[in-house]
Amino acid sequence: RLATDPVLRDLVLAGLRRRWSPQQIAAWLRIEHPEHPEWHVSHETIY
């Protein structure tokens, strides 16, 4: 998923640069972007 969606990839990279864990990023994506279910990835996908 992160290889095909550049916007999602940038969001995940931004969270990692802020030293957020993959689980925090996955939860934040669901809370902040409920209108984009295609961005709702599991923390395992990020790992």
ModelCIF file with pLDDT and N, C-alpha, C, O atoms, coordinates in Angstrom:
data_MODEL
#
_entry.id   MODEL 
#
_entity.id                         1 
_entity.type                       polymer 
_entity.pdbx_number_of_molecules   1 
#
_entity_poly.entity_id                      1 
_entity_poly.type                           'polypeptide(L)' 
_entity_poly.nstd_linkage                   no 
_entity_poly.nstd_monomer                   no 
_entity_poly.pdbx_seq_one_letter_code       RLATDPVLRDLVLAGLRRRWSPQQIAAWLRIEHPEHPEWHVSHETIY 
_entity_poly.pdbx_seq_one_letter_code_can   RLATDPVLRDLVLAGLRRRWSPQQIAAWLRIEHPEHPEWHVSHETIY 
_entity_poly.pdbx_strand_id                 A 
#
loop_
_entity_poly_seq.entity_id 
_entity_poly_seq.num 
_entity_poly_seq.mon_id 
_entity_poly_seq.hetero 
1 1  ARG n 
1 2  LEU n 
1 3  ALA n 
1 4  THR n 
1 5  ASP n 
1 6  PRO n 
1 7  VAL n 
1 8  LEU n 
1 9  ARG n 
1 10 ASP n 
1 11 LEU n 
1 12 VAL n 
1 13 LEU n 
1 14 ALA n 
1 15 GLY n 
1 16 LEU n 
1 17 ARG n 
1 18 ARG n 
1 19 ARG n 
1 20 TRP n 
1 21 SER n 
1 22 PRO n 
1 23 GLN n 
1 24 GLN n 
1 25 ILE n 
1 26 ALA n 
1 27 ALA n 
1 28 TRP n 
1 29 LEU n 
1 30 ARG n 
1 31 ILE n 
1 32 GLU n 
1 33 HIS n 
1 34 PRO n 
1 35 GLU n 
1 36 HIS n 
1 37 PRO n 
1 38 GLU n 
1 39 TRP n 
1 40 HIS n 
1 41 VAL n 
1 42 SER n 
1 43 HIS n 
1 44 GLU n 
1 45 THR n 
1 46 ILE n 
1 47 TYR n 
#
_struct_asym.id          A 
_struct_asym.entity_id   1 
#
loop_
_ma_qa_metric.id 
_ma_qa_metric.mode 
_ma_qa_metric.name 
_ma_qa_metric.software_group_id 
_ma_qa_metric.type 
1 global pLDDT . pLDDT 
2 local  pLDDT . pLDDT 
#
_ma_qa_metric_global.metric_id      1 
_ma_qa_metric_global.metric_value   89.53 
_ma_qa_metric_global.model_id       1 
_ma_qa_metric_global.ordinal_id     1 
#
loop_
_ma_qa_metric_local.label_asym_id 
_ma_qa_metric_local.label_comp_id 
_ma_qa_metric_local.label_seq_id 
_ma_qa_metric_local.metric_id 
_ma_qa_metric_local.metric_value 
_ma_qa_metric_local.model_id 
_ma_qa_metric_local.ordinal_id 
A ARG 1  2 80.00 1 1  
A LEU 2  2 82.00 1 2  
A ALA 3  2 80.00 1 3  
A THR 4  2 83.00 1 4  
A ASP 5  2 87.00 1 5  
A PRO 6  2 88.00 1 6  
A VAL 7  2 92.00 1 7  
A LEU 8  2 91.00 1 8  
A ARG 9  2 89.00 1 9  
A ASP 10 2 90.00 1 10 
A LEU 11 2 92.00 1 11 
A VAL 12 2 90.00 1 12 
A LEU 13 2 89.00 1 13 
A ALA 14 2 89.00 1 14 
A GLY 15 2 90.00 1 15 
A LEU 16 2 88.00 1 16 
A ARG 17 2 86.00 1 17 
A ARG 18 2 87.00 1 18 
A ARG 19 2 86.00 1 19 
A TRP 20 2 89.00 1 20 
A SER 21 2 88.00 1 21 
A PRO 22 2 91.00 1 22 
A GLN 23 2 92.00 1 23 
A GLN 24 2 92.00 1 24 
A ILE 25 2 93.00 1 25 
A ALA 26 2 93.00 1 26 
A ALA 27 2 93.00 1 27 
A TRP 28 2 93.00 1 28 
A LEU 29 2 94.00 1 29 
A ARG 30 2 93.00 1 30 
A ILE 31 2 92.00 1 31 
A GLU 32 2 92.00 1 32 
A HIS 33 2 93.00 1 33 
A PRO 34 2 92.00 1 34 
A GLU 35 2 93.00 1 35 
A HIS 36 2 92.00 1 36 
A PRO 37 2 91.00 1 37 
A GLU 38 2 90.00 1 38 
A TRP 39 2 91.00 1 39 
A HIS 40 2 93.00 1 40 
A VAL 41 2 91.00 1 41 
A SER 42 2 91.00 1 42 
A HIS 43 2 90.00 1 43 
A GLU 44 2 88.00 1 44 
A THR 45 2 87.00 1 45 
A ILE 46 2 87.00 1 46 
A TYR 47 2 85.00 1 47 
#
loop_
_atom_site.group_PDB 
_atom_site.id 
_atom_site.type_symbol 
_atom_site.label_atom_id 
_atom_site.label_alt_id 
_atom_site.label_comp_id 
_atom_site.label_asym_id 
_atom_site.label_entity_id 
_atom_site.label_seq_id 
_atom_site.pdbx_PDB_ins_code 
_atom_site.Cartn_x 
_atom_site.Cartn_y 
_atom_site.Cartn_z 
_atom_site.occupancy 
_atom_site.B_iso_or_equiv 
_atom_site.pdbx_formal_charge 
_atom_site.auth_seq_id 
_atom_site.auth_comp_id 
_atom_site.auth_asym_id 
_atom_site.auth_atom_id 
_atom_site.pdbx_PDB_model_num 
ATOM 1   N N  . ARG A 1 1  ? 0.833   -1.212 0.000  1.00 80.00 ? 1  ARG A N  1 
ATOM 2   C CA . ARG A 1 1  ? 0.000   0.000  0.000  1.00 80.00 ? 1  ARG A CA 1 
ATOM 3   C C  . ARG A 1 1  ? 0.863   1.256  0.000  1.00 80.00 ? 1  ARG A C  1 
ATOM 4   O O  . ARG A 1 1  ? 0.563   2.218  -0.708 1.00 80.00 ? 1  ARG A O  1 
ATOM 5   N N  . LEU A 1 2  ? 1.922   1.250  0.784  1.00 82.00 ? 2  LEU A N  1 
ATOM 6   C CA . LEU A 1 2  ? 2.752   2.444  0.889  1.00 82.00 ? 2  LEU A CA 1 
ATOM 7   C C  . LEU A 1 2  ? 3.569   2.693  -0.374 1.00 82.00 ? 2  LEU A C  1 
ATOM 8   O O  . LEU A 1 2  ? 4.090   3.791  -0.571 1.00 82.00 ? 2  LEU A O  1 
ATOM 9   N N  . ALA A 1 3  ? 3.681   1.687  -1.223 1.00 80.00 ? 3  ALA A N  1 
ATOM 10  C CA . ALA A 1 3  ? 4.427   1.864  -2.471 1.00 80.00 ? 3  ALA A CA 1 
ATOM 11  C C  . ALA A 1 3  ? 3.550   2.420  -3.585 1.00 80.00 ? 3  ALA A C  1 
ATOM 12  O O  . ALA A 1 3  ? 4.059   2.996  -4.546 1.00 80.00 ? 3  ALA A O  1 
ATOM 13  N N  . THR A 1 4  ? 2.225   2.249  -3.462 1.00 83.00 ? 4  THR A N  1 
ATOM 14  C CA . THR A 1 4  ? 1.319   2.670  -4.533 1.00 83.00 ? 4  THR A CA 1 
ATOM 15  C C  . THR A 1 4  ? 0.608   3.987  -4.236 1.00 83.00 ? 4  THR A C  1 
ATOM 16  O O  . THR A 1 4  ? 0.082   4.621  -5.151 1.00 83.00 ? 4  THR A O  1 
ATOM 17  N N  . ASP A 1 5  ? 0.584   4.404  -2.981 1.00 87.00 ? 5  ASP A N  1 
ATOM 18  C CA . ASP A 1 5  ? -0.129  5.636  -2.608 1.00 87.00 ? 5  ASP A CA 1 
ATOM 19  C C  . ASP A 1 5  ? 0.874   6.643  -2.056 1.00 87.00 ? 5  ASP A C  1 
ATOM 20  O O  . ASP A 1 5  ? 1.250   6.548  -0.888 1.00 87.00 ? 5  ASP A O  1 
ATOM 21  N N  . PRO A 1 6  ? 1.319   7.609  -2.869 1.00 88.00 ? 6  PRO A N  1 
ATOM 22  C CA . PRO A 1 6  ? 2.343   8.551  -2.402 1.00 88.00 ? 6  PRO A CA 1 
ATOM 23  C C  . PRO A 1 6  ? 1.865   9.448  -1.267 1.00 88.00 ? 6  PRO A C  1 
ATOM 24  O O  . PRO A 1 6  ? 2.666   9.833  -0.416 1.00 88.00 ? 6  PRO A O  1 
ATOM 25  N N  . VAL A 1 7  ? 0.570   9.792  -1.233 1.00 92.00 ? 7  VAL A N  1 
ATOM 26  C CA . VAL A 1 7  ? 0.060   10.644 -0.159 1.00 92.00 ? 7  VAL A CA 1 
ATOM 27  C C  . VAL A 1 7  ? 0.114   9.906  1.171  1.00 92.00 ? 7  VAL A C  1 
ATOM 28  O O  . VAL A 1 7  ? 0.564   10.456 2.177  1.00 92.00 ? 7  VAL A O  1 
ATOM 29  N N  . LEU A 1 8  ? -0.344  8.666  1.171  1.00 91.00 ? 8  LEU A N  1 
ATOM 30  C CA . LEU A 1 8  ? -0.275  7.847  2.396  1.00 91.00 ? 8  LEU A CA 1 
ATOM 31  C C  . LEU A 1 8  ? 1.167   7.661  2.830  1.00 91.00 ? 8  LEU A C  1 
ATOM 32  O O  . LEU A 1 8  ? 1.481   7.711  4.019  1.00 91.00 ? 8  LEU A O  1 
ATOM 33  N N  . ARG A 1 9  ? 2.027   7.451  1.874  1.00 89.00 ? 9  ARG A N  1 
ATOM 34  C CA . ARG A 1 9  ? 3.444   7.266  2.187  1.00 89.00 ? 9  ARG A CA 1 
ATOM 35  C C  . ARG A 1 9  ? 4.018   8.497  2.878  1.00 89.00 ? 9  ARG A C  1 
ATOM 36  O O  . ARG A 1 9  ? 4.758   8.377  3.855  1.00 89.00 ? 9  ARG A O  1 
ATOM 37  N N  . ASP A 1 10 ? 3.673   9.689  2.368  1.00 90.00 ? 10 ASP A N  1 
ATOM 38  C CA . ASP A 1 10 ? 4.171   10.932 2.969  1.00 90.00 ? 10 ASP A CA 1 
ATOM 39  C C  . ASP A 1 10 ? 3.623   11.124 4.382  1.00 90.00 ? 10 ASP A C  1 
ATOM 40  O O  . ASP A 1 10 ? 4.335   11.604 5.264  1.00 90.00 ? 10 ASP A O  1 
ATOM 41  N N  . LEU A 1 11 ? 2.352   10.749 4.601  1.00 92.00 ? 11 LEU A N  1 
ATOM 42  C CA . LEU A 1 11 ? 1.772   10.876 5.934  1.00 92.00 ? 11 LEU A CA 1 
ATOM 43  C C  . LEU A 1 11 ? 2.487   9.970  6.928  1.00 92.00 ? 11 LEU A C  1 
ATOM 44  O O  . LEU A 1 11 ? 2.770   10.375 8.056  1.00 92.00 ? 11 LEU A O  1 
ATOM 45  N N  . VAL A 1 12 ? 2.775   8.751  6.506  1.00 90.00 ? 12 VAL A N  1 
ATOM 46  C CA . VAL A 1 12 ? 3.468   7.812  7.384  1.00 90.00 ? 12 VAL A CA 1 
ATOM 47  C C  . VAL A 1 12 ? 4.889   8.290  7.664  1.00 90.00 ? 12 VAL A C  1 
ATOM 48  O O  . VAL A 1 12 ? 5.352   8.237  8.803  1.00 90.00 ? 12 VAL A O  1 
ATOM 49  N N  . LEU A 1 13 ? 5.577   8.754  6.631  1.00 89.00 ? 13 LEU A N  1 
ATOM 50  C CA . LEU A 1 13 ? 6.939   9.254  6.819  1.00 89.00 ? 13 LEU A CA 1 
ATOM 51  C C  . LEU A 1 13 ? 6.965   10.457 7.758  1.00 89.00 ? 13 LEU A C  1 
ATOM 52  O O  . LEU A 1 13 ? 7.876   10.595 8.575  1.00 89.00 ? 13 LEU A O  1 
ATOM 53  N N  . ALA A 1 14 ? 5.962   11.326 7.638  1.00 89.00 ? 14 ALA A N  1 
ATOM 54  C CA . ALA A 1 14 ? 5.904   12.488 8.525  1.00 89.00 ? 14 ALA A CA 1 
ATOM 55  C C  . ALA A 1 14 ? 5.754   12.056 9.977  1.00 89.00 ? 14 ALA A C  1 
ATOM 56  O O  . ALA A 1 14 ? 6.377   12.633 10.868 1.00 89.00 ? 14 ALA A O  1 
ATOM 57  N N  . GLY A 1 15 ? 4.925   11.040 10.217 1.00 90.00 ? 15 GLY A N  1 
ATOM 58  C CA . GLY A 1 15 ? 4.773   10.539 11.580 1.00 90.00 ? 15 GLY A CA 1 
ATOM 59  C C  . GLY A 1 15 ? 6.041   9.896  12.109 1.00 90.00 ? 15 GLY A C  1 
ATOM 60  O O  . GLY A 1 15 ? 6.387   10.073 13.276 1.00 90.00 ? 15 GLY A O  1 
ATOM 61  N N  . LEU A 1 16 ? 6.739   9.148  11.258 1.00 88.00 ? 16 LEU A N  1 
ATOM 62  C CA . LEU A 1 16 ? 7.981   8.508  11.686 1.00 88.00 ? 16 LEU A CA 1 
ATOM 63  C C  . LEU A 1 16 ? 9.057   9.548  11.984 1.00 88.00 ? 16 LEU A C  1 
ATOM 64  O O  . LEU A 1 16 ? 9.841   9.375  12.917 1.00 88.00 ? 16 LEU A O  1 
ATOM 65  N N  . ARG A 1 17 ? 9.101   10.617 11.207 1.00 86.00 ? 17 ARG A N  1 
ATOM 66  C CA . ARG A 1 17 ? 10.087  11.671 11.471 1.00 86.00 ? 17 ARG A CA 1 
ATOM 67  C C  . ARG A 1 17 ? 9.793   12.400 12.772 1.00 86.00 ? 17 ARG A C  1 
ATOM 68  O O  . ARG A 1 17 ? 10.695  12.983 13.375 1.00 86.00 ? 17 ARG A O  1 
ATOM 69  N N  . ARG A 1 18 ? 8.542   12.372 13.209 1.00 87.00 ? 18 ARG A N  1 
ATOM 70  C CA . ARG A 1 18 ? 8.184   12.950 14.510 1.00 87.00 ? 18 ARG A CA 1 
ATOM 71  C C  . ARG A 1 18 ? 8.385   11.937 15.628 1.00 87.00 ? 18 ARG A C  1 
ATOM 72  O O  . ARG A 1 18 ? 8.018   12.180 16.778 1.00 87.00 ? 18 ARG A O  1 
ATOM 73  N N  . ARG A 1 19 ? 8.980   10.781 15.270 1.00 86.00 ? 19 ARG A N  1 
ATOM 74  C CA . ARG A 1 19 ? 9.300   9.716  16.213 1.00 86.00 ? 19 ARG A CA 1 
ATOM 75  C C  . ARG A 1 19 ? 8.064   9.054  16.796 1.00 86.00 ? 19 ARG A C  1 
ATOM 76  O O  . ARG A 1 19 ? 8.098   8.559  17.922 1.00 86.00 ? 19 ARG A O  1 
ATOM 77  N N  . TRP A 1 20 ? 6.956   9.040  16.028 1.00 89.00 ? 20 TRP A N  1 
ATOM 78  C CA . TRP A 1 20 ? 5.776   8.295  16.435 1.00 89.00 ? 20 TRP A CA 1 
ATOM 79  C C  . TRP A 1 20 ? 5.988   6.829  16.105 1.00 89.00 ? 20 TRP A C  1 
ATOM 80  O O  . TRP A 1 20 ? 6.686   6.498  15.147 1.00 89.00 ? 20 TRP A O  1 
ATOM 81  N N  . SER A 1 21 ? 5.397   5.966  16.883 1.00 88.00 ? 21 SER A N  1 
ATOM 82  C CA . SER A 1 21 ? 5.469   4.539  16.598 1.00 88.00 ? 21 SER A CA 1 
ATOM 83  C C  . SER A 1 21 ? 4.479   4.194  15.484 1.00 88.00 ? 21 SER A C  1 
ATOM 84  O O  . SER A 1 21 ? 3.534   4.951  15.259 1.00 88.00 ? 21 SER A O  1 
ATOM 85  N N  . PRO A 1 22 ? 4.669   3.072  14.779 1.00 91.00 ? 22 PRO A N  1 
ATOM 86  C CA . PRO A 1 22 ? 3.699   2.663  13.757 1.00 91.00 ? 22 PRO A CA 1 
ATOM 87  C C  . PRO A 1 22 ? 2.285   2.528  14.291 1.00 91.00 ? 22 PRO A C  1 
ATOM 88  O O  . PRO A 1 22 ? 1.329   2.847  13.585 1.00 91.00 ? 22 PRO A O  1 
ATOM 89  N N  . GLN A 1 23 ? 2.130   2.056  15.539 1.00 92.00 ? 23 GLN A N  1 
ATOM 90  C CA . GLN A 1 23 ? 0.791   1.935  16.100 1.00 92.00 ? 23 GLN A CA 1 
ATOM 91  C C  . GLN A 1 23 ? 0.155   3.305  16.303 1.00 92.00 ? 23 GLN A C  1 
ATOM 92  O O  . GLN A 1 23 ? -1.042  3.469  16.067 1.00 92.00 ? 23 GLN A O  1 
ATOM 93  N N  . GLN A 1 24 ? 0.930   4.281  16.734 1.00 92.00 ? 24 GLN A N  1 
ATOM 94  C CA . GLN A 1 24 ? 0.402   5.638  16.896 1.00 92.00 ? 24 GLN A CA 1 
ATOM 95  C C  . GLN A 1 24 ? 0.007   6.225  15.549 1.00 92.00 ? 24 GLN A C  1 
ATOM 96  O O  . GLN A 1 24 ? -1.023  6.891  15.443 1.00 92.00 ? 24 GLN A O  1 
ATOM 97  N N  . ILE A 1 25 ? 0.809   5.988  14.523 1.00 93.00 ? 25 ILE A N  1 
ATOM 98  C CA . ILE A 1 25 ? 0.500   6.508  13.187 1.00 93.00 ? 25 ILE A CA 1 
ATOM 99  C C  . ILE A 1 25 ? -0.778  5.882  12.650 1.00 93.00 ? 25 ILE A C  1 
ATOM 100 O O  . ILE A 1 25 ? -1.629  6.582  12.102 1.00 93.00 ? 25 ILE A O  1 
ATOM 101 N N  . ALA A 1 26 ? -0.920  4.560  12.804 1.00 93.00 ? 26 ALA A N  1 
ATOM 102 C CA . ALA A 1 26 ? -2.104  3.872  12.301 1.00 93.00 ? 26 ALA A CA 1 
ATOM 103 C C  . ALA A 1 26 ? -3.373  4.401  12.974 1.00 93.00 ? 26 ALA A C  1 
ATOM 104 O O  . ALA A 1 26 ? -4.386  4.604  12.306 1.00 93.00 ? 26 ALA A O  1 
ATOM 105 N N  . ALA A 1 27 ? -3.326  4.626  14.285 1.00 93.00 ? 27 ALA A N  1 
ATOM 106 C CA . ALA A 1 27 ? -4.488  5.157  14.997 1.00 93.00 ? 27 ALA A CA 1 
ATOM 107 C C  . ALA A 1 27 ? -4.770  6.598  14.590 1.00 93.00 ? 27 ALA A C  1 
ATOM 108 O O  . ALA A 1 27 ? -5.926  6.985  14.422 1.00 93.00 ? 27 ALA A O  1 
ATOM 109 N N  . TRP A 1 28 ? -3.713  7.389  14.430 1.00 93.00 ? 28 TRP A N  1 
ATOM 110 C CA . TRP A 1 28 ? -3.880  8.794  14.046 1.00 93.00 ? 28 TRP A CA 1 
ATOM 111 C C  . TRP A 1 28 ? -4.525  8.917  12.669 1.00 93.00 ? 28 TRP A C  1 
ATOM 112 O O  . TRP A 1 28 ? -5.361  9.796  12.459 1.00 93.00 ? 28 TRP A O  1 
ATOM 113 N N  . LEU A 1 29 ? -4.155  8.060  11.737 1.00 94.00 ? 29 LEU A N  1 
ATOM 114 C CA . LEU A 1 29 ? -4.741  8.098  10.391 1.00 94.00 ? 29 LEU A CA 1 
ATOM 115 C C  . LEU A 1 29 ? -6.241  7.844  10.435 1.00 94.00 ? 29 LEU A C  1 
ATOM 116 O O  . LEU A 1 29 ? -6.999  8.468  9.694  1.00 94.00 ? 29 LEU A O  1 
ATOM 117 N N  . ARG A 1 30 ? -6.668  6.941  11.290 1.00 93.00 ? 30 ARG A N  1 
ATOM 118 C CA . ARG A 1 30 ? -8.104  6.649  11.392 1.00 93.00 ? 30 ARG A CA 1 
ATOM 119 C C  . ARG A 1 30 ? -8.877  7.806  12.026 1.00 93.00 ? 30 ARG A C  1 
ATOM 120 O O  . ARG A 1 30 ? -10.009 8.101  11.643 1.00 93.00 ? 30 ARG A O  1 
ATOM 121 N N  . ILE A 1 31 ? -8.240  8.453  13.002 1.00 92.00 ? 31 ILE A N  1 
ATOM 122 C CA . ILE A 1 31 ? -8.930  9.546  13.696 1.00 92.00 ? 31 ILE A CA 1 
ATOM 123 C C  . ILE A 1 31 ? -8.970  10.814 12.849 1.00 92.00 ? 31 ILE A C  1 
ATOM 124 O O  . ILE A 1 31 ? -10.008 11.469 12.758 1.00 92.00 ? 31 ILE A O  1 
ATOM 125 N N  . GLU A 1 32 ? -7.844  11.160 12.229 1.00 92.00 ? 32 GLU A N  1 
ATOM 126 C CA . GLU A 1 32 ? -7.743  12.416 11.491 1.00 92.00 ? 32 GLU A CA 1 
ATOM 127 C C  . GLU A 1 32 ? -8.287  12.344 10.063 1.00 92.00 ? 32 GLU A C  1 
ATOM 128 O O  . GLU A 1 32 ? -8.624  13.375 9.482  1.00 92.00 ? 32 GLU A O  1 
ATOM 129 N N  . HIS A 1 33 ? -8.375  11.154 9.496  1.00 93.00 ? 33 HIS A N  1 
ATOM 130 C CA . HIS A 1 33 ? -8.827  11.026 8.100  1.00 93.00 ? 33 HIS A CA 1 
ATOM 131 C C  . HIS A 1 33 ? -9.905  9.957  7.974  1.00 93.00 ? 33 HIS A C  1 
ATOM 132 O O  . HIS A 1 33 ? -9.718  8.970  7.261  1.00 93.00 ? 33 HIS A O  1 
ATOM 133 N N  . PRO A 1 34 ? -11.029 10.142 8.657  1.00 92.00 ? 34 PRO A N  1 
ATOM 134 C CA . PRO A 1 34 ? -12.100 9.129  8.546  1.00 92.00 ? 34 PRO A CA 1 
ATOM 135 C C  . PRO A 1 34 ? -12.703 9.073  7.152  1.00 92.00 ? 34 PRO A C  1 
ATOM 136 O O  . PRO A 1 34 ? -13.291 8.062  6.767  1.00 92.00 ? 34 PRO A O  1 
ATOM 137 N N  . GLU A 1 35 ? -12.559 10.166 6.386  1.00 93.00 ? 35 GLU A N  1 
ATOM 138 C CA . GLU A 1 35 ? -13.142 10.197 5.042  1.00 93.00 ? 35 GLU A CA 1 
ATOM 139 C C  . GLU A 1 35 ? -12.271 9.494  4.015  1.00 93.00 ? 35 GLU A C  1 
ATOM 140 O O  . GLU A 1 35 ? -12.663 9.386  2.854  1.00 93.00 ? 35 GLU A O  1 
ATOM 141 N N  . HIS A 1 36 ? -11.108 9.017  4.409  1.00 92.00 ? 36 HIS A N  1 
ATOM 142 C CA . HIS A 1 36 ? -10.200 8.310  3.499  1.00 92.00 ? 36 HIS A CA 1 
ATOM 143 C C  . HIS A 1 36 ? -9.908  6.911  4.046  1.00 92.00 ? 36 HIS A C  1 
ATOM 144 O O  . HIS A 1 36 ? -8.831  6.679  4.596  1.00 92.00 ? 36 HIS A O  1 
ATOM 145 N N  . PRO A 1 37 ? -10.846 5.984  3.903  1.00 91.00 ? 37 PRO A N  1 
ATOM 146 C CA . PRO A 1 37 ? -10.593 4.625  4.424  1.00 91.00 ? 37 PRO A CA 1 
ATOM 147 C C  . PRO A 1 37 ? -9.425  3.933  3.744  1.00 91.00 ? 37 PRO A C  1 
ATOM 148 O O  . PRO A 1 37 ? -8.845  2.997  4.295  1.00 91.00 ? 37 PRO A O  1 
ATOM 149 N N  . GLU A 1 38 ? -9.075  4.396  2.535  1.00 90.00 ? 38 GLU A N  1 
ATOM 150 C CA . GLU A 1 38 ? -7.938  3.781  1.856  1.00 90.00 ? 38 GLU A CA 1 
ATOM 151 C C  . GLU A 1 38 ? -6.616  4.102  2.548  1.00 90.00 ? 38 GLU A C  1 
ATOM 152 O O  . GLU A 1 38 ? -5.604  3.464  2.260  1.00 90.00 ? 38 GLU A O  1 
ATOM 153 N N  . TRP A 1 39 ? -6.607  5.074  3.451  1.00 91.00 ? 39 TRP A N  1 
ATOM 154 C CA . TRP A 1 39 ? -5.403  5.412  4.212  1.00 91.00 ? 39 TRP A CA 1 
ATOM 155 C C  . TRP A 1 39 ? -5.355  4.698  5.559  1.00 91.00 ? 39 TRP A C  1 
ATOM 156 O O  . TRP A 1 39 ? -4.389  4.862  6.304  1.00 91.00 ? 39 TRP A O  1 
ATOM 157 N N  . HIS A 1 40 ? -6.370  3.918  5.883  1.00 93.00 ? 40 HIS A N  1 
ATOM 158 C CA . HIS A 1 40 ? -6.431  3.242  7.172  1.00 93.00 ? 40 HIS A CA 1 
ATOM 159 C C  . HIS A 1 40 ? -5.653  1.935  7.082  1.00 93.00 ? 40 HIS A C  1 
ATOM 160 O O  . HIS A 1 40 ? -6.196  0.904  6.685  1.00 93.00 ? 40 HIS A O  1 
ATOM 161 N N  . VAL A 1 41 ? -4.393  1.986  7.449  1.00 91.00 ? 41 VAL A N  1 
ATOM 162 C CA . VAL A 1 41 ? -3.526  0.818  7.387  1.00 91.00 ? 41 VAL A CA 1 
ATOM 163 C C  . VAL A 1 41 ? -3.220  0.347  8.806  1.00 91.00 ? 41 VAL A C  1 
ATOM 164 O O  . VAL A 1 41 ? -3.322  1.120  9.759  1.00 91.00 ? 41 VAL A O  1 
ATOM 165 N N  . SER A 1 42 ? -2.854  -0.893 8.935  1.00 91.00 ? 42 SER A N  1 
ATOM 166 C CA . SER A 1 42 ? -2.479  -1.429 10.240 1.00 91.00 ? 42 SER A CA 1 
ATOM 167 C C  . SER A 1 42 ? -1.031  -1.070 10.551 1.00 91.00 ? 42 SER A C  1 
ATOM 168 O O  . SER A 1 42 ? -0.252  -0.744 9.656  1.00 91.00 ? 42 SER A O  1 
ATOM 169 N N  . HIS A 1 43 ? -0.685  -1.134 11.828 1.00 90.00 ? 43 HIS A N  1 
ATOM 170 C CA . HIS A 1 43 ? 0.701   -0.855 12.202 1.00 90.00 ? 43 HIS A CA 1 
ATOM 171 C C  . HIS A 1 43 ? 1.641   -1.914 11.640 1.00 90.00 ? 43 HIS A C  1 
ATOM 172 O O  . HIS A 1 43 ? 2.820   -1.642 11.416 1.00 90.00 ? 43 HIS A O  1 
ATOM 173 N N  . GLU A 1 44 ? 1.122   -3.124 11.410 1.00 88.00 ? 44 GLU A N  1 
ATOM 174 C CA . GLU A 1 44 ? 1.961   -4.178 10.840 1.00 88.00 ? 44 GLU A CA 1 
ATOM 175 C C  . GLU A 1 44 ? 2.384   -3.829 9.408  1.00 88.00 ? 44 GLU A C  1 
ATOM 176 O O  . GLU A 1 44 ? 3.495   -4.155 8.991  1.00 88.00 ? 44 GLU A O  1 
ATOM 177 N N  . THR A 1 45 ? 1.495   -3.167 8.660  1.00 87.00 ? 45 THR A N  1 
ATOM 178 C CA . THR A 1 45 ? 1.844   -2.726 7.311  1.00 87.00 ? 45 THR A CA 1 
ATOM 179 C C  . THR A 1 45 ? 3.019   -1.759 7.343  1.00 87.00 ? 45 THR A C  1 
ATOM 180 O O  . THR A 1 45 ? 3.908   -1.827 6.495  1.00 87.00 ? 45 THR A O  1 
ATOM 181 N N  . ILE A 1 46 ? 3.021   -0.861 8.320  1.00 87.00 ? 46 ILE A N  1 
ATOM 182 C CA . ILE A 1 46 ? 4.114   0.103  8.434  1.00 87.00 ? 46 ILE A CA 1 
ATOM 183 C C  . ILE A 1 46 ? 5.397   -0.588 8.866  1.00 87.00 ? 46 ILE A C  1 
ATOM 184 O O  . ILE A 1 46 ? 6.471   -0.283 8.348  1.00 87.00 ? 46 ILE A O  1 
ATOM 185 N N  . TYR A 1 47 ? 5.293   -1.518 9.812  1.00 85.00 ? 47 TYR A N  1 
ATOM 186 C CA . TYR A 1 47 ? 6.484   -2.262 10.236 1.00 85.00 ? 47 TYR A CA 1 
ATOM 187 C C  . TYR A 1 47 ? 7.111   -3.004 9.066  1.00 85.00 ? 47 TYR A C  1 
ATOM 188 O O  . TYR A 1 47 ? 8.123   -3.684 9.237  1.00 85.00 ? 47 TYR A O  1 
#
